[in-house]
Protein backbone atom coordinates (compact mmCIF):
# COMPACT_ATOMS: atom_id res chain seq x y z
CA MET A 1 -33.95 75.84 65.89
CA SER A 2 -30.70 74.57 67.27
CA THR A 3 -29.35 71.40 66.30
CA ASN A 4 -26.83 71.33 69.09
CA LYS A 5 -23.73 70.73 67.05
CA TRP A 6 -25.36 67.61 65.12
CA HIS A 7 -22.84 65.60 63.81
CA ALA A 8 -22.34 62.32 61.31
CA GLU A 9 -22.19 60.27 64.64
CA ASN A 10 -26.01 61.19 65.39
CA VAL A 11 -27.38 59.62 62.23
CA PRO A 12 -29.43 56.72 63.35
CA ASP A 13 -29.34 53.40 62.47
CA GLN A 14 -30.52 52.93 58.59
CA LYS A 15 -30.71 49.12 58.20
CA GLY A 16 -33.73 48.32 55.80
CA ARG A 17 -33.80 51.64 54.05
CA ILE A 18 -32.90 52.20 50.51
CA VAL A 19 -31.28 55.49 49.57
CA ILE A 20 -30.67 56.80 46.25
CA ILE A 21 -27.82 59.69 46.09
CA THR A 22 -27.41 61.27 42.99
CA GLY A 23 -23.94 62.71 42.17
CA SER A 24 -22.28 60.59 44.98
CA SER A 25 -18.89 59.74 43.79
CA SER A 26 -17.29 62.67 45.13
CA GLY A 27 -17.82 65.73 47.58
CA ILE A 28 -20.67 66.14 49.88
CA GLY A 29 -22.65 63.53 47.89
CA TYR A 30 -19.97 60.85 48.36
CA GLU A 31 -19.55 61.92 52.41
CA THR A 32 -23.50 61.58 52.27
CA ALA A 33 -23.08 58.16 50.84
CA ARG A 34 -20.25 57.03 53.09
CA VAL A 35 -21.88 58.02 56.25
CA LEU A 36 -25.58 56.23 55.37
CA ALA A 37 -23.66 53.13 54.19
CA ASP A 38 -21.82 53.16 57.56
CA LYS A 39 -25.13 53.41 59.49
CA ASN A 40 -26.49 50.12 57.29
CA ALA A 41 -28.53 51.93 54.58
CA THR A 42 -28.72 50.17 51.29
CA VAL A 43 -26.95 52.85 49.02
CA ILE A 44 -27.05 53.56 45.38
CA ILE A 45 -24.55 55.91 44.06
CA ALA A 46 -26.16 57.48 41.11
CA VAL A 47 -23.50 59.05 38.75
CA ARG A 48 -22.80 59.58 35.14
CA ASN A 49 -19.17 58.29 35.45
CA LEU A 50 -19.24 54.45 36.28
CA LYS A 51 -15.88 54.37 36.79
CA LYS A 52 -15.80 57.12 39.35
CA GLY A 53 -18.80 55.84 41.03
CA ASP A 54 -16.89 52.27 41.42
CA ALA A 55 -13.82 54.06 42.96
CA ALA A 56 -16.04 55.97 45.12
CA ALA A 57 -17.79 52.45 46.05
CA ASP A 58 -14.79 50.92 46.62
CA LYS A 59 -13.13 53.60 48.70
CA ILE A 60 -16.38 53.31 50.91
CA ARG A 61 -16.00 49.50 51.24
CA LYS A 62 -12.24 49.89 52.63
CA ALA A 63 -13.73 51.76 55.58
CA HIS A 64 -16.71 50.10 56.24
CA SER A 65 -16.78 46.76 54.75
CA HIS A 66 -20.52 45.75 55.72
CA ALA A 67 -21.44 48.68 53.44
CA ASN A 68 -23.98 47.87 50.87
CA LEU A 69 -23.64 49.78 47.83
CA HIS A 70 -24.91 49.92 44.32
CA VAL A 71 -23.23 52.02 41.46
CA MET A 72 -25.52 52.99 38.65
CA ALA A 73 -25.50 55.01 35.84
CA LEU A 74 -27.35 58.45 35.90
CA ASP A 75 -26.77 61.28 33.63
CA LEU A 76 -29.49 63.97 34.62
CA ALA A 77 -28.46 65.94 31.55
CA ASN A 78 -30.31 63.38 29.37
CA LEU A 79 -33.98 62.68 30.12
CA THR A 80 -33.66 59.17 28.07
CA SER A 81 -30.82 58.22 30.85
CA VAL A 82 -33.24 59.41 33.68
CA ARG A 83 -35.85 57.21 32.53
CA THR A 84 -33.46 54.28 31.81
CA PHE A 85 -32.04 54.52 35.51
CA VAL A 86 -35.55 54.50 36.96
CA ASP A 87 -36.53 51.49 34.83
CA GLU A 88 -33.30 49.52 36.10
CA PHE A 89 -33.86 50.73 39.67
CA ARG A 90 -37.33 49.26 39.73
CA ILE A 91 -36.28 46.08 38.34
CA LYS A 92 -33.89 45.80 41.54
CA PHE A 93 -36.02 47.01 44.58
CA ASP A 94 -39.78 47.95 45.09
CA ARG A 95 -39.65 50.66 47.57
CA LEU A 96 -37.43 53.87 48.22
CA ASP A 97 -37.05 55.45 51.51
CA LEU A 98 -34.71 58.35 50.64
CA LEU A 99 -34.29 60.52 47.52
CA ILE A 100 -31.34 62.86 47.89
CA ASN A 101 -31.21 65.09 44.89
CA ASN A 102 -27.28 65.92 45.28
CA ALA A 103 -25.68 66.18 41.86
CA GLY A 104 -25.18 69.63 40.05
CA VAL A 105 -22.93 71.49 37.90
CA MET A 106 -21.65 74.99 38.57
CA ILE A 107 -20.30 77.59 36.52
CA PRO A 108 -19.22 75.60 33.37
CA PRO A 109 -18.91 77.21 29.79
CA TYR A 110 -22.27 77.52 27.98
CA SER A 111 -23.70 74.42 26.46
CA LYS A 112 -26.84 72.41 26.41
CA THR A 113 -28.04 69.18 27.45
CA ALA A 114 -29.14 66.66 25.37
CA ASP A 115 -32.66 67.86 25.41
CA GLY A 116 -31.83 71.36 24.37
CA PHE A 117 -31.86 72.80 28.26
CA GLU A 118 -29.03 75.31 29.43
CA LEU A 119 -26.70 72.89 31.22
CA GLN A 120 -27.02 74.15 34.69
CA PHE A 121 -30.79 74.43 34.76
CA GLY A 122 -31.31 71.30 32.89
CA THR A 123 -29.06 69.17 35.11
CA ASN A 124 -29.70 71.10 38.54
CA HIS A 125 -33.48 71.31 38.37
CA LEU A 126 -34.82 69.62 35.40
CA GLY A 127 -33.05 66.35 35.73
CA HIS A 128 -34.08 65.80 39.32
CA PHE A 129 -37.67 67.31 38.78
CA ALA A 130 -38.00 64.17 36.26
CA LEU A 131 -35.94 61.61 38.52
CA THR A 132 -38.43 62.73 41.60
CA GLY A 133 -41.36 62.55 39.56
CA LEU A 134 -40.53 59.20 37.90
CA LEU A 135 -39.88 57.65 41.53
CA MET A 136 -42.47 59.35 43.21
CA ASP A 137 -45.20 56.35 43.29
CA LEU A 138 -42.56 54.44 45.16
CA LEU A 139 -42.00 57.45 47.47
CA LEU A 140 -45.49 57.63 48.26
CA LYS A 141 -45.95 53.82 48.93
CA THR A 142 -43.02 53.59 51.43
CA SER A 143 -43.80 54.84 54.72
CA GLY A 144 -41.62 57.42 56.06
CA SER A 145 -39.73 58.41 52.84
CA ARG A 146 -37.95 61.66 52.41
CA ILE A 147 -36.66 63.71 49.51
CA VAL A 148 -33.97 66.27 50.04
CA ASN A 149 -32.91 68.54 47.50
CA VAL A 150 -29.73 70.33 47.53
CA SER A 151 -29.58 73.88 46.94
CA SER A 152 -27.20 76.74 47.67
CA GLY A 153 -26.65 79.98 49.24
CA ALA A 154 -26.29 80.78 45.54
CA HIS A 155 -30.29 81.00 45.28
CA LYS A 156 -29.79 84.56 46.36
CA TYR A 157 -28.95 85.96 42.92
CA GLY A 158 -31.53 83.82 41.10
CA THR A 159 -34.40 84.65 39.00
CA ILE A 160 -36.19 82.50 36.42
CA ASP A 161 -36.39 84.06 33.06
CA PHE A 162 -39.55 82.34 31.70
CA SER A 163 -38.96 83.86 28.37
CA ASP A 164 -35.61 82.53 27.89
CA LEU A 165 -34.51 79.48 29.96
CA ALA A 166 -32.24 78.25 27.61
CA TRP A 167 -30.18 81.56 27.59
CA GLU A 168 -30.74 81.75 23.56
CA THR A 169 -31.29 85.23 23.56
CA ARG A 170 -29.46 86.64 26.92
CA LYS A 171 -25.56 87.15 26.85
CA TYR A 172 -24.77 83.92 28.80
CA LYS A 173 -23.72 84.85 32.76
CA PRO A 174 -22.40 81.29 34.31
CA TRP A 175 -22.80 82.48 37.79
CA LYS A 176 -26.16 83.73 36.99
CA ALA A 177 -27.20 81.00 35.64
CA TYR A 178 -26.06 78.63 38.59
CA GLY A 179 -27.96 80.83 40.74
CA ASP A 180 -30.99 80.50 38.60
CA SER A 181 -30.84 76.68 38.86
CA LYS A 182 -30.65 76.77 42.86
CA ILE A 183 -33.43 78.94 43.47
CA ALA A 184 -35.34 76.51 41.13
CA ASN A 185 -34.38 73.67 43.59
CA LEU A 186 -35.88 75.67 46.00
CA TYR A 187 -39.21 76.57 44.43
CA PHE A 188 -39.53 73.03 43.53
CA THR A 189 -38.98 71.95 47.12
CA PHE A 190 -41.54 74.52 48.72
CA GLU A 191 -44.27 73.71 46.05
CA LEU A 192 -43.62 70.00 46.18
CA ALA A 193 -44.18 70.49 50.20
CA ARG A 194 -47.17 72.45 49.55
CA ARG A 195 -48.63 69.52 47.37
CA LEU A 196 -47.64 66.92 49.40
CA LYS A 197 -49.25 68.57 52.28
CA SER A 198 -52.41 69.54 50.58
CA ASN A 199 -52.98 65.94 49.49
CA LYS A 200 -52.30 64.50 53.14
CA GLN A 201 -49.40 62.41 51.41
CA ASP A 202 -46.86 61.24 53.53
CA VAL A 203 -43.53 62.18 52.00
CA ILE A 204 -41.35 64.70 53.63
CA VAL A 205 -39.44 67.01 51.11
CA ALA A 206 -36.69 69.52 52.46
CA ALA A 207 -33.93 71.24 51.20
CA ALA A 208 -30.40 71.77 52.11
CA HIS A 209 -27.19 73.73 51.19
CA PRO A 210 -23.73 72.89 52.40
CA GLY A 211 -22.32 76.72 52.66
CA TRP A 212 -18.73 76.96 51.62
CA THR A 213 -17.77 73.68 51.14
CA ALA A 214 -14.64 72.62 49.06
CA THR A 215 -15.75 70.15 46.39
CA ASP A 216 -15.16 69.38 42.68
CA LEU A 217 -17.81 71.76 41.75
CA GLN A 218 -15.36 74.77 41.70
CA ARG A 219 -13.16 73.30 39.18
CA HIS A 220 -14.38 75.79 36.56
CA SER A 221 -13.37 78.97 39.17
CA GLY A 222 -9.69 79.29 39.90
CA PHE A 223 -10.22 82.08 42.04
CA ILE A 224 -12.56 79.92 44.23
CA GLU A 225 -10.25 77.21 44.44
CA TYR A 226 -7.95 79.50 45.55
CA LEU A 227 -10.20 81.05 48.26
CA ASN A 228 -10.97 77.43 49.63
CA SER A 229 -8.08 77.03 51.32
CA PHE A 230 -8.95 80.15 53.71
CA PHE A 231 -12.51 79.83 54.09
CA ALA A 232 -13.97 76.38 53.10
CA GLN A 233 -14.98 73.56 55.36
CA GLY A 234 -14.24 70.10 54.57
CA ILE A 235 -16.81 67.58 53.04
CA GLU A 236 -17.49 66.10 56.61
CA MET A 237 -19.11 69.61 57.78
CA GLY A 238 -20.41 70.22 54.46
CA ALA A 239 -22.46 67.13 54.32
CA LEU A 240 -24.25 67.63 57.77
CA PRO A 241 -27.09 70.05 56.55
CA THR A 242 -28.12 67.25 53.79
CA LEU A 243 -27.89 64.34 56.33
CA TYR A 244 -29.81 66.41 58.76
CA ALA A 245 -32.37 67.14 56.32
CA ALA A 246 -32.42 63.57 55.50
CA VAL A 247 -32.69 61.66 58.83
CA GLY A 248 -33.27 64.62 61.59
CA PRO A 249 -36.33 63.67 63.68
CA ASP A 250 -38.11 66.83 63.56
CA VAL A 251 -37.92 67.69 59.90
CA GLN A 252 -40.88 68.83 58.10
CA SER A 253 -41.92 69.35 54.58
CA GLY A 254 -40.75 72.62 53.45
CA ASP A 255 -37.47 72.77 56.07
CA TYR A 256 -34.13 73.86 54.57
CA TYR A 257 -31.23 73.37 56.26
CA GLY A 258 -27.93 75.02 56.29
CA PRO A 259 -24.69 75.69 58.27
CA SER A 260 -24.99 77.62 61.60
CA GLY A 261 -21.92 79.71 61.38
CA PHE A 262 -21.38 83.44 59.97
CA ILE A 263 -23.34 83.88 56.77
CA GLU A 264 -24.02 80.50 56.46
CA MET A 265 -20.90 79.65 55.27
CA ARG A 266 -19.63 76.99 57.80
CA GLY A 267 -20.68 75.32 60.69
CA PHE A 268 -23.03 72.65 62.27
CA PRO A 269 -26.47 72.33 60.50
CA LYS A 270 -29.33 74.59 61.68
CA LYS A 271 -32.84 75.32 59.88
CA VAL A 272 -32.60 78.26 57.51
CA SER A 273 -34.61 80.18 55.31
CA GLY A 274 -34.54 80.86 51.55
CA ASN A 275 -34.70 84.46 50.33
CA ALA A 276 -38.09 86.25 49.88
CA LEU A 277 -38.03 85.70 46.15
CA SER A 278 -37.62 81.68 46.76
CA GLN A 279 -41.09 81.80 48.63
CA ASP A 280 -43.43 83.28 45.85
CA LYS A 281 -45.68 80.38 45.26
CA ALA A 282 -46.74 82.18 41.96
CA ILE A 283 -43.49 81.36 40.32
CA ALA A 284 -43.17 77.97 42.12
CA GLY A 285 -46.50 77.08 40.51
CA ARG A 286 -45.53 78.30 37.35
CA LEU A 287 -41.94 76.88 37.24
CA TRP A 288 -43.76 73.60 38.13
CA GLU A 289 -46.06 73.69 34.91
CA VAL A 290 -42.89 74.61 32.63
CA SER A 291 -40.85 71.73 33.98
CA GLU A 292 -43.87 69.05 33.49
CA ASN A 293 -44.10 70.45 29.73
CA LEU A 294 -40.31 70.41 29.13
CA THR A 295 -39.60 66.99 31.01
CA GLY A 296 -43.04 65.15 29.96
CA VAL A 297 -43.00 64.11 33.50
CA THR A 298 -46.11 64.64 35.63
CA PRO A 299 -45.49 63.62 39.10
CA LEU A 300 -48.36 62.25 41.40
CA VAL A 301 -49.09 64.96 43.35
CA ARG A 302 -51.78 67.51 42.85
CA SER A 303 -51.79 71.17 42.99
CA ALA A 304 -52.70 72.53 45.99
CA GLN A 305 -55.15 74.84 44.48
CA THR A 306 -57.24 72.18 43.27
CA THR A 307 -57.59 70.26 46.14
């Protein structure tokens, strides 16, 4: 499928739509927030650092004086913070049209979340799993709602070691742990898509990846930062797969979007495929159950196998 050089100008008017974007104070999250705010969406900038969130909101307002933005605290590495965010969101809003699970950490030194999970798996997957599950009732009751999970080409070297999810017995490999968290994003997307379809529930869930885009994520890798100047595209292009997954007219549950150029590194958005391992239904189902147990969150979507 060709999206025919689809660009941000093609995003339709979003007036009346409520949008949450995690990690939207910088990078592709910021650009996604900027575009959707310009298109008249009410955008919640959900970030760990409120000072950075406020600065991002001010920057967007300077460019788009009509922008309707709300900066709210959300630390995906702390499940208490996730629950508090959801409680505070419910006080202000009674619907949710679009949840973009964009935030992430990439190749940091080994550390754990507040709940004892390896930081990348805990933040990039479990935090978003819990957030999505806690907001699922609002998504289900909002007609035409969508969820977009931002993954990465790095999912191709990811595997889920269920015997050592916290890297307590293995030598820690930051890149491997990052890939694990990114294939987890795809397992979550594809399993949720199967459950929604099986239950005939009117929510679209899709995934996206930005290709090689220069963002703050790479601050732990000086080599990649160096290569950015040669190979990386800007955030305006890097955000397009996310934006297409969020508003594209032909997007279906389980779709995955990335750049259309050489080995999906850069270019306009197109529908792409996860690797064969990411399509494994048994692993996806097991990860879902483990994620429920670890987070204590049970999304309102029954297993496709029991319906």
